[in-house]
Amino acid sequence: MSIATPDIFRDPDLTRNSPIRTLDELLSLPFHNDCEAVARKRFREVDALLSWLLEYAPSRLTGTGACVFAEFDTESDARQVLELAPKWIRGFVARGLNLSPLQQTLSGL
């Protein structure tokens, strides 16, 4: 399955009037992705995957829908859920970073 970004942005149902917010505001508010409703409506696989994953953890869509991800407290928790994934789901466990390695390198200069 491939999600073409232009298809999401051309959809008449895409929210186009979200307020501009600062990073501090975004980090203090509940997560929201304007593209999620459109991606879920247009791509049943995205909807099915988010619906399944939300049973286990807070789950989100990246950008216009290239990936779906969930946050877990431990690597073990993430691996347990991945083991339960239906066969049609391709997934992996990755460790999140709070600071980009590039930013770390540049700050060390």
N, C-alpha and C. Protein backbone atom coordinates (compact mmCIF):
# COMPACT_ATOMS: atom_id res chain seq x y z
N MET A 1 0.85 -1.17 0.00
CA MET A 1 0.00 0.00 0.00
C MET A 1 0.89 1.24 0.00
N SER A 2 0.48 2.21 -0.76
CA SER A 2 1.21 3.47 -0.82
C SER A 2 0.24 4.62 -0.62
N ILE A 3 0.62 5.53 0.24
CA ILE A 3 -0.21 6.71 0.49
C ILE A 3 0.48 7.90 -0.15
N ALA A 4 -0.16 8.46 -1.14
CA ALA A 4 0.41 9.62 -1.84
C ALA A 4 0.02 10.88 -1.08
N THR A 5 1.01 11.61 -0.64
CA THR A 5 0.77 12.85 0.10
C THR A 5 -0.16 13.81 -0.66
N PRO A 6 0.01 13.98 -1.98
CA PRO A 6 -0.91 14.88 -2.68
C PRO A 6 -2.38 14.46 -2.56
N ASP A 7 -2.63 13.14 -2.51
CA ASP A 7 -4.01 12.68 -2.37
C ASP A 7 -4.61 13.13 -1.04
N ILE A 8 -3.81 13.09 0.01
CA ILE A 8 -4.29 13.53 1.32
C ILE A 8 -4.57 15.03 1.28
N PHE A 9 -3.64 15.79 0.73
CA PHE A 9 -3.79 17.25 0.72
C PHE A 9 -4.88 17.75 -0.23
N ARG A 10 -5.23 16.94 -1.23
CA ARG A 10 -6.32 17.31 -2.15
C ARG A 10 -7.70 16.98 -1.58
N ASP A 11 -7.75 16.16 -0.57
CA ASP A 11 -9.05 15.73 -0.04
C ASP A 11 -9.82 16.92 0.54
N PRO A 12 -11.07 17.10 0.12
CA PRO A 12 -11.85 18.25 0.61
C PRO A 12 -12.15 18.19 2.11
N ASP A 13 -12.03 17.01 2.71
CA ASP A 13 -12.31 16.88 4.14
C ASP A 13 -11.12 17.20 5.04
N LEU A 14 -9.96 17.45 4.45
CA LEU A 14 -8.78 17.76 5.26
C LEU A 14 -8.98 19.10 5.97
N THR A 15 -8.75 19.11 7.27
CA THR A 15 -8.83 20.34 8.05
C THR A 15 -7.75 21.30 7.56
N ARG A 16 -8.16 22.52 7.27
CA ARG A 16 -7.22 23.49 6.72
C ARG A 16 -7.13 24.76 7.55
N ASN A 17 -7.75 24.75 8.72
CA ASN A 17 -7.75 25.98 9.52
C ASN A 17 -7.28 25.75 10.95
N SER A 18 -6.39 24.79 11.14
CA SER A 18 -5.84 24.57 12.48
C SER A 18 -5.02 25.78 12.89
N PRO A 19 -5.13 26.19 14.15
CA PRO A 19 -4.36 27.36 14.57
C PRO A 19 -2.86 27.06 14.59
N ILE A 20 -2.08 28.08 14.32
CA ILE A 20 -0.62 27.97 14.42
C ILE A 20 -0.28 28.00 15.91
N ARG A 21 0.54 27.05 16.32
CA ARG A 21 0.90 26.94 17.74
C ARG A 21 2.41 26.89 17.89
N THR A 22 2.87 27.35 19.05
CA THR A 22 4.30 27.26 19.36
C THR A 22 4.62 25.82 19.75
N LEU A 23 5.89 25.49 19.77
CA LEU A 23 6.31 24.15 20.18
C LEU A 23 5.87 23.87 21.61
N ASP A 24 6.01 24.85 22.50
CA ASP A 24 5.57 24.66 23.89
C ASP A 24 4.08 24.34 23.96
N GLU A 25 3.28 25.05 23.16
CA GLU A 25 1.84 24.77 23.14
C GLU A 25 1.57 23.36 22.63
N LEU A 26 2.25 22.99 21.55
CA LEU A 26 2.04 21.66 20.99
C LEU A 26 2.40 20.56 21.99
N LEU A 27 3.48 20.76 22.73
CA LEU A 27 3.90 19.74 23.69
C LEU A 27 3.00 19.66 24.90
N SER A 28 2.25 20.71 25.17
CA SER A 28 1.38 20.71 26.35
C SER A 28 -0.05 20.28 26.02
N LEU A 29 -0.38 20.16 24.75
CA LEU A 29 -1.73 19.79 24.34
C LEU A 29 -1.78 18.32 23.92
N PRO A 30 -2.98 17.73 23.93
CA PRO A 30 -3.09 16.36 23.41
C PRO A 30 -2.67 16.33 21.93
N PHE A 31 -2.07 15.23 21.54
CA PHE A 31 -1.59 15.08 20.17
C PHE A 31 -2.76 15.10 19.19
N HIS A 32 -2.55 15.76 18.05
CA HIS A 32 -3.56 15.78 17.00
C HIS A 32 -2.87 15.89 15.64
N ASN A 33 -3.30 15.06 14.71
CA ASN A 33 -2.77 15.09 13.35
C ASN A 33 -3.96 15.33 12.41
N ASP A 34 -4.00 16.48 11.76
CA ASP A 34 -5.10 16.81 10.86
C ASP A 34 -5.27 15.79 9.74
N CYS A 35 -4.21 15.12 9.37
CA CYS A 35 -4.27 14.16 8.26
C CYS A 35 -4.87 12.81 8.65
N GLU A 36 -4.95 12.54 9.94
CA GLU A 36 -5.38 11.21 10.38
C GLU A 36 -6.78 10.83 9.91
N ALA A 37 -7.75 11.70 10.07
CA ALA A 37 -9.13 11.37 9.69
C ALA A 37 -9.21 11.07 8.19
N VAL A 38 -8.51 11.84 7.38
CA VAL A 38 -8.53 11.63 5.93
C VAL A 38 -7.84 10.31 5.59
N ALA A 39 -6.67 10.05 6.18
CA ALA A 39 -5.94 8.81 5.90
C ALA A 39 -6.77 7.60 6.33
N ARG A 40 -7.44 7.69 7.46
CA ARG A 40 -8.27 6.58 7.92
C ARG A 40 -9.45 6.36 6.99
N LYS A 41 -10.02 7.44 6.50
CA LYS A 41 -11.17 7.34 5.60
C LYS A 41 -10.76 6.76 4.23
N ARG A 42 -9.64 7.20 3.71
CA ARG A 42 -9.23 6.81 2.36
C ARG A 42 -8.50 5.47 2.29
N PHE A 43 -7.87 5.08 3.39
CA PHE A 43 -7.06 3.86 3.39
C PHE A 43 -7.49 2.96 4.53
N ARG A 44 -8.25 1.93 4.20
CA ARG A 44 -8.81 1.05 5.24
C ARG A 44 -7.72 0.36 6.05
N GLU A 45 -6.54 0.14 5.45
CA GLU A 45 -5.44 -0.50 6.17
C GLU A 45 -4.96 0.39 7.31
N VAL A 46 -4.89 1.69 7.06
CA VAL A 46 -4.47 2.63 8.10
C VAL A 46 -5.49 2.62 9.23
N ASP A 47 -6.76 2.66 8.88
CA ASP A 47 -7.81 2.63 9.89
C ASP A 47 -7.75 1.34 10.71
N ALA A 48 -7.60 0.21 10.03
CA ALA A 48 -7.55 -1.08 10.74
C ALA A 48 -6.33 -1.16 11.65
N LEU A 49 -5.20 -0.70 11.17
CA LEU A 49 -3.98 -0.77 11.98
C LEU A 49 -4.07 0.14 13.20
N LEU A 50 -4.51 1.38 13.01
CA LEU A 50 -4.66 2.27 14.16
C LEU A 50 -5.67 1.73 15.16
N SER A 51 -6.78 1.20 14.66
CA SER A 51 -7.80 0.64 15.55
C SER A 51 -7.23 -0.52 16.36
N TRP A 52 -6.46 -1.38 15.71
CA TRP A 52 -5.87 -2.52 16.42
C TRP A 52 -4.84 -2.04 17.44
N LEU A 53 -3.95 -1.18 17.03
CA LEU A 53 -2.85 -0.74 17.90
C LEU A 53 -3.35 0.07 19.09
N LEU A 54 -4.41 0.84 18.90
CA LEU A 54 -4.96 1.64 19.99
C LEU A 54 -5.49 0.79 21.15
N GLU A 55 -5.72 -0.48 20.91
CA GLU A 55 -6.13 -1.38 21.99
C GLU A 55 -5.01 -1.59 23.00
N TYR A 56 -3.77 -1.33 22.59
CA TYR A 56 -2.61 -1.62 23.42
C TYR A 56 -1.85 -0.41 23.93
N ALA A 57 -1.91 0.68 23.20
CA ALA A 57 -1.08 1.84 23.58
C ALA A 57 -1.54 3.08 22.81
N PRO A 58 -1.17 4.26 23.33
CA PRO A 58 -1.42 5.47 22.55
C PRO A 58 -0.73 5.32 21.19
N SER A 59 -1.47 5.51 20.12
CA SER A 59 -0.94 5.27 18.78
C SER A 59 -1.20 6.46 17.89
N ARG A 60 -0.29 6.67 16.95
CA ARG A 60 -0.36 7.85 16.10
C ARG A 60 0.03 7.52 14.67
N LEU A 61 -0.30 8.45 13.83
CA LEU A 61 0.03 8.39 12.41
C LEU A 61 1.16 9.38 12.16
N THR A 62 2.17 8.97 11.41
CA THR A 62 3.21 9.93 11.04
C THR A 62 2.73 10.72 9.84
N GLY A 63 2.92 12.00 9.86
CA GLY A 63 2.61 12.85 8.72
C GLY A 63 1.29 12.53 8.06
N THR A 64 1.35 12.15 6.78
CA THR A 64 0.14 11.85 6.02
C THR A 64 -0.20 10.37 6.02
N GLY A 65 0.55 9.55 6.75
CA GLY A 65 0.16 8.15 6.90
C GLY A 65 1.16 7.11 6.45
N ALA A 66 2.40 7.49 6.26
CA ALA A 66 3.40 6.51 5.84
C ALA A 66 3.60 5.42 6.89
N CYS A 67 3.48 5.81 8.16
CA CYS A 67 3.69 4.86 9.26
C CYS A 67 2.69 5.13 10.38
N VAL A 68 2.47 4.10 11.14
CA VAL A 68 1.70 4.19 12.36
C VAL A 68 2.63 3.72 13.47
N PHE A 69 2.58 4.40 14.61
CA PHE A 69 3.47 3.99 15.70
C PHE A 69 2.75 4.13 17.03
N ALA A 70 3.29 3.44 18.02
CA ALA A 70 2.74 3.49 19.38
C ALA A 70 3.88 3.69 20.36
N GLU A 71 3.53 4.26 21.50
CA GLU A 71 4.51 4.47 22.56
C GLU A 71 4.28 3.44 23.66
N PHE A 72 5.35 2.81 24.10
CA PHE A 72 5.29 1.84 25.19
C PHE A 72 6.26 2.23 26.28
N ASP A 73 5.98 1.82 27.49
CA ASP A 73 6.86 2.15 28.61
C ASP A 73 8.18 1.39 28.55
N THR A 74 8.12 0.16 28.03
CA THR A 74 9.34 -0.65 27.99
C THR A 74 9.47 -1.35 26.64
N GLU A 75 10.69 -1.72 26.30
CA GLU A 75 10.92 -2.48 25.08
C GLU A 75 10.18 -3.81 25.15
N SER A 76 10.17 -4.42 26.32
CA SER A 76 9.49 -5.69 26.50
C SER A 76 8.00 -5.57 26.19
N ASP A 77 7.36 -4.50 26.66
CA ASP A 77 5.94 -4.28 26.36
C ASP A 77 5.72 -4.17 24.86
N ALA A 78 6.58 -3.43 24.21
CA ALA A 78 6.46 -3.23 22.76
C ALA A 78 6.61 -4.56 22.03
N ARG A 79 7.57 -5.36 22.43
CA ARG A 79 7.80 -6.65 21.78
C ARG A 79 6.62 -7.61 22.00
N GLN A 80 6.03 -7.56 23.18
CA GLN A 80 4.86 -8.42 23.45
C GLN A 80 3.71 -8.08 22.51
N VAL A 81 3.45 -6.80 22.31
CA VAL A 81 2.37 -6.40 21.41
C VAL A 81 2.71 -6.76 19.97
N LEU A 82 3.95 -6.56 19.58
CA LEU A 82 4.35 -6.92 18.22
C LEU A 82 4.14 -8.41 17.96
N GLU A 83 4.37 -9.23 18.97
CA GLU A 83 4.14 -10.68 18.83
C GLU A 83 2.66 -11.00 18.59
N LEU A 84 1.77 -10.14 19.09
CA LEU A 84 0.33 -10.34 18.93
C LEU A 84 -0.21 -9.82 17.60
N ALA A 85 0.64 -9.14 16.85
CA ALA A 85 0.18 -8.50 15.62
C ALA A 85 -0.34 -9.51 14.62
N PRO A 86 -1.44 -9.18 13.98
CA PRO A 86 -1.93 -10.04 12.90
C PRO A 86 -0.87 -10.19 11.81
N LYS A 87 -0.94 -11.26 11.05
CA LYS A 87 0.07 -11.57 10.03
C LYS A 87 0.22 -10.47 8.97
N TRP A 88 -0.84 -9.71 8.71
CA TRP A 88 -0.79 -8.68 7.67
C TRP A 88 -0.04 -7.43 8.11
N ILE A 89 0.34 -7.36 9.38
CA ILE A 89 1.05 -6.19 9.89
C ILE A 89 2.55 -6.44 9.87
N ARG A 90 3.29 -5.52 9.27
CA ARG A 90 4.76 -5.56 9.32
C ARG A 90 5.18 -4.48 10.31
N GLY A 91 5.93 -4.87 11.32
CA GLY A 91 6.33 -3.90 12.32
C GLY A 91 7.70 -4.17 12.88
N PHE A 92 8.15 -3.24 13.70
CA PHE A 92 9.43 -3.39 14.37
C PHE A 92 9.41 -2.54 15.63
N VAL A 93 10.32 -2.83 16.53
CA VAL A 93 10.46 -2.07 17.77
C VAL A 93 11.68 -1.16 17.62
N ALA A 94 11.49 0.10 17.94
CA ALA A 94 12.59 1.07 17.86
C ALA A 94 12.60 1.88 19.15
N ARG A 95 13.76 2.32 19.52
CA ARG A 95 13.90 3.16 20.70
C ARG A 95 13.79 4.63 20.30
N GLY A 96 12.95 5.35 20.98
CA GLY A 96 12.78 6.77 20.69
C GLY A 96 13.91 7.59 21.27
N LEU A 97 14.13 8.74 20.68
CA LEU A 97 15.15 9.67 21.15
C LEU A 97 14.51 11.01 21.45
N ASN A 98 14.95 11.64 22.51
CA ASN A 98 14.47 12.98 22.83
C ASN A 98 15.34 14.06 22.22
N LEU A 99 16.52 13.67 21.78
CA LEU A 99 17.45 14.63 21.18
C LEU A 99 18.09 13.98 19.96
N SER A 100 18.05 14.66 18.85
CA SER A 100 18.62 14.15 17.61
C SER A 100 20.12 13.91 17.77
N PRO A 101 20.64 12.80 17.25
CA PRO A 101 22.09 12.58 17.29
C PRO A 101 22.86 13.71 16.60
N LEU A 102 22.29 14.27 15.55
CA LEU A 102 22.93 15.40 14.89
C LEU A 102 23.02 16.60 15.84
N GLN A 103 21.96 16.86 16.55
CA GLN A 103 21.96 17.96 17.51
C GLN A 103 22.98 17.71 18.62
N GLN A 104 23.07 16.47 19.08
CA GLN A 104 24.07 16.11 20.09
C GLN A 104 25.48 16.38 19.58
N THR A 105 25.75 15.97 18.35
CA THR A 105 27.06 16.15 17.76
C THR A 105 27.39 17.63 17.61
N LEU A 106 26.44 18.40 17.11
CA LEU A 106 26.68 19.84 16.91
C LEU A 106 26.87 20.58 18.22
N SER A 107 26.18 20.17 19.27
CA SER A 107 26.34 20.85 20.54
C SER A 107 27.68 20.52 21.20
N GLY A 108 28.32 19.44 20.77
CA GLY A 108 29.61 19.05 21.31
C GLY A 108 30.77 19.76 20.65
N LEU A 109 30.50 20.52 19.60
CA LEU A 109 31.57 21.21 18.87
C LEU A 109 32.03 22.45 19.60
